Amino acid sequence: MIPEEAKRLFVTKFSSFGNEKFYKFLLNYAVNRLISNEELKKTQEPAPPGLSPEAELIDYHDRFLILYRREHEIVYLEIAKLFRKAAHKIYRIMLKKDMIKRDSRFLNLVE
């Protein structure tokens, strides 16, 4: 379940930003996490514990989808969609840069 503070934060940001800006906010957040993780690898410091950015975004998607099913608030569904969209975008970027291996939780092109 999502902590109440995080839920309020994302809902208020979504309400004030709108769909496109909130999506860009999520992409910006994930890219910044990628950059900071890459910088830590260069300095040979251990990576901070936690999920990778694409896994974190897909986790939030699942949590907001559960929240939508429980409370039937359309805003939770819209937020979940944007989290999933951002997770897939970051996944494709990381896959293209050979930073991760294919994952069955994400969409993969069939060639």
Protein backbone atom coordinates (compact mmCIF):
# COMPACT_ATOMS: atom_id res chain seq x y z
CA MET A 1 0.00 0.00 0.00
CA ILE A 2 1.12 3.56 -0.65
CA PRO A 3 1.99 5.70 2.36
CA GLU A 4 -0.56 8.45 2.87
CA GLU A 5 2.09 11.16 2.48
CA ALA A 6 3.28 9.83 -0.90
CA LYS A 7 -0.30 9.41 -2.11
CA ARG A 8 -1.14 13.01 -1.21
CA LEU A 9 2.07 14.26 -2.83
CA PHE A 10 1.40 12.52 -6.16
CA VAL A 11 -2.28 13.45 -6.23
CA THR A 12 -1.57 17.13 -5.55
CA LYS A 13 1.23 17.22 -8.14
CA PHE A 14 -1.02 15.53 -10.69
CA SER A 15 -3.86 17.94 -9.93
CA SER A 16 -1.65 21.01 -10.22
CA PHE A 17 0.51 19.87 -13.18
CA GLY A 18 -1.96 18.04 -15.39
CA ASN A 19 -1.26 14.90 -17.44
CA GLU A 20 1.65 15.99 -19.63
CA LYS A 21 3.61 17.89 -16.99
CA PHE A 22 3.15 15.10 -14.44
CA TYR A 23 4.42 12.58 -17.01
CA LYS A 24 7.46 14.77 -17.68
CA PHE A 25 7.98 15.11 -13.92
CA LEU A 26 8.06 11.30 -13.60
CA LEU A 27 10.50 10.97 -16.50
CA ASN A 28 12.70 13.68 -15.01
CA TYR A 29 12.70 11.93 -11.64
CA ALA A 30 13.64 8.57 -13.18
CA VAL A 31 16.38 10.03 -15.38
CA ASN A 32 17.88 11.83 -12.38
CA ARG A 33 17.90 8.52 -10.49
CA LEU A 34 19.67 6.87 -13.43
CA ILE A 35 22.29 9.59 -13.57
CA SER A 36 22.96 9.48 -9.84
CA ASN A 37 23.25 5.67 -9.94
CA GLU A 38 25.71 5.88 -12.85
CA GLU A 39 27.80 8.48 -11.00
CA LEU A 40 27.94 6.20 -7.95
CA LYS A 41 29.16 3.34 -10.14
CA LYS A 42 31.98 5.52 -11.48
CA THR A 43 33.16 6.37 -7.95
CA GLN A 44 33.03 2.68 -6.95
CA GLU A 45 30.58 3.43 -4.13
CA PRO A 46 27.85 0.87 -3.48
CA ALA A 47 24.50 1.75 -4.99
CA PRO A 48 21.84 2.88 -2.53
CA PRO A 49 19.36 0.20 -1.60
CA GLY A 50 16.07 0.26 -3.43
CA LEU A 51 14.53 -0.46 -6.75
CA SER A 52 15.81 0.69 -10.10
CA PRO A 53 13.85 3.63 -11.54
CA GLU A 54 11.75 1.61 -13.99
CA ALA A 55 10.90 -0.98 -11.34
CA GLU A 56 9.98 1.74 -8.86
CA LEU A 57 7.64 3.38 -11.37
CA ILE A 58 5.95 0.09 -12.27
CA ASP A 59 5.56 -0.63 -8.54
CA TYR A 60 3.80 2.71 -8.06
CA HIS A 61 1.59 1.86 -11.04
CA ASP A 62 0.51 -1.35 -9.34
CA ARG A 63 -0.13 0.42 -6.05
CA PHE A 64 -2.22 3.20 -7.59
CA LEU A 65 -4.19 0.66 -9.59
CA ILE A 66 -5.01 -1.22 -6.38
CA LEU A 67 -5.98 2.08 -4.77
CA TYR A 68 -8.28 2.86 -7.71
CA ARG A 69 -9.96 -0.53 -7.42
CA ARG A 70 -10.59 0.00 -3.72
CA GLU A 71 -11.72 3.62 -3.72
CA HIS A 72 -13.03 4.06 -7.31
CA GLU A 73 -11.41 7.49 -7.69
CA ILE A 74 -10.65 8.16 -11.36
CA VAL A 75 -7.62 10.28 -10.45
CA TYR A 76 -5.84 7.17 -9.14
CA LEU A 77 -6.40 5.40 -12.45
CA GLU A 78 -5.02 8.36 -14.40
CA ILE A 79 -1.94 8.51 -12.16
CA ALA A 80 -1.43 4.75 -12.53
CA LYS A 81 -1.54 5.07 -16.33
CA LEU A 82 1.11 7.78 -16.29
CA PHE A 83 3.36 5.78 -13.96
CA ARG A 84 3.14 2.80 -16.33
CA LYS A 85 3.80 4.96 -19.38
CA ALA A 86 6.86 6.51 -17.74
CA ALA A 87 8.11 3.11 -16.54
CA HIS A 88 7.96 1.71 -20.07
CA LYS A 89 9.75 4.75 -21.49
CA ILE A 90 12.58 4.47 -18.95
CA TYR A 91 12.75 0.71 -19.51
CA ARG A 92 13.16 1.20 -23.27
CA ILE A 93 15.89 3.79 -22.70
CA MET A 94 17.76 1.52 -20.30
CA LEU A 95 17.36 -1.45 -22.66
CA LYS A 96 18.71 0.56 -25.58
CA LYS A 97 21.76 1.60 -23.50
CA ASP A 98 22.32 -2.03 -22.37
CA MET A 99 21.89 -1.08 -18.73
CA ILE A 100 19.44 -3.90 -17.99
CA LYS A 101 18.23 -7.18 -19.43
CA ARG A 102 14.77 -7.85 -20.81
CA ASP A 103 12.03 -8.08 -18.21
CA SER A 104 8.68 -9.80 -18.71
CA ARG A 105 6.84 -7.08 -16.76
CA PHE A 106 7.47 -4.60 -19.57
CA LEU A 107 6.47 -4.41 -23.20
CA ASN A 108 9.05 -5.79 -25.61
CA LEU A 109 8.98 -5.47 -29.36
CA VAL A 110 8.65 -8.70 -31.26
CA GLU A 111 11.03 -8.84 -34.19
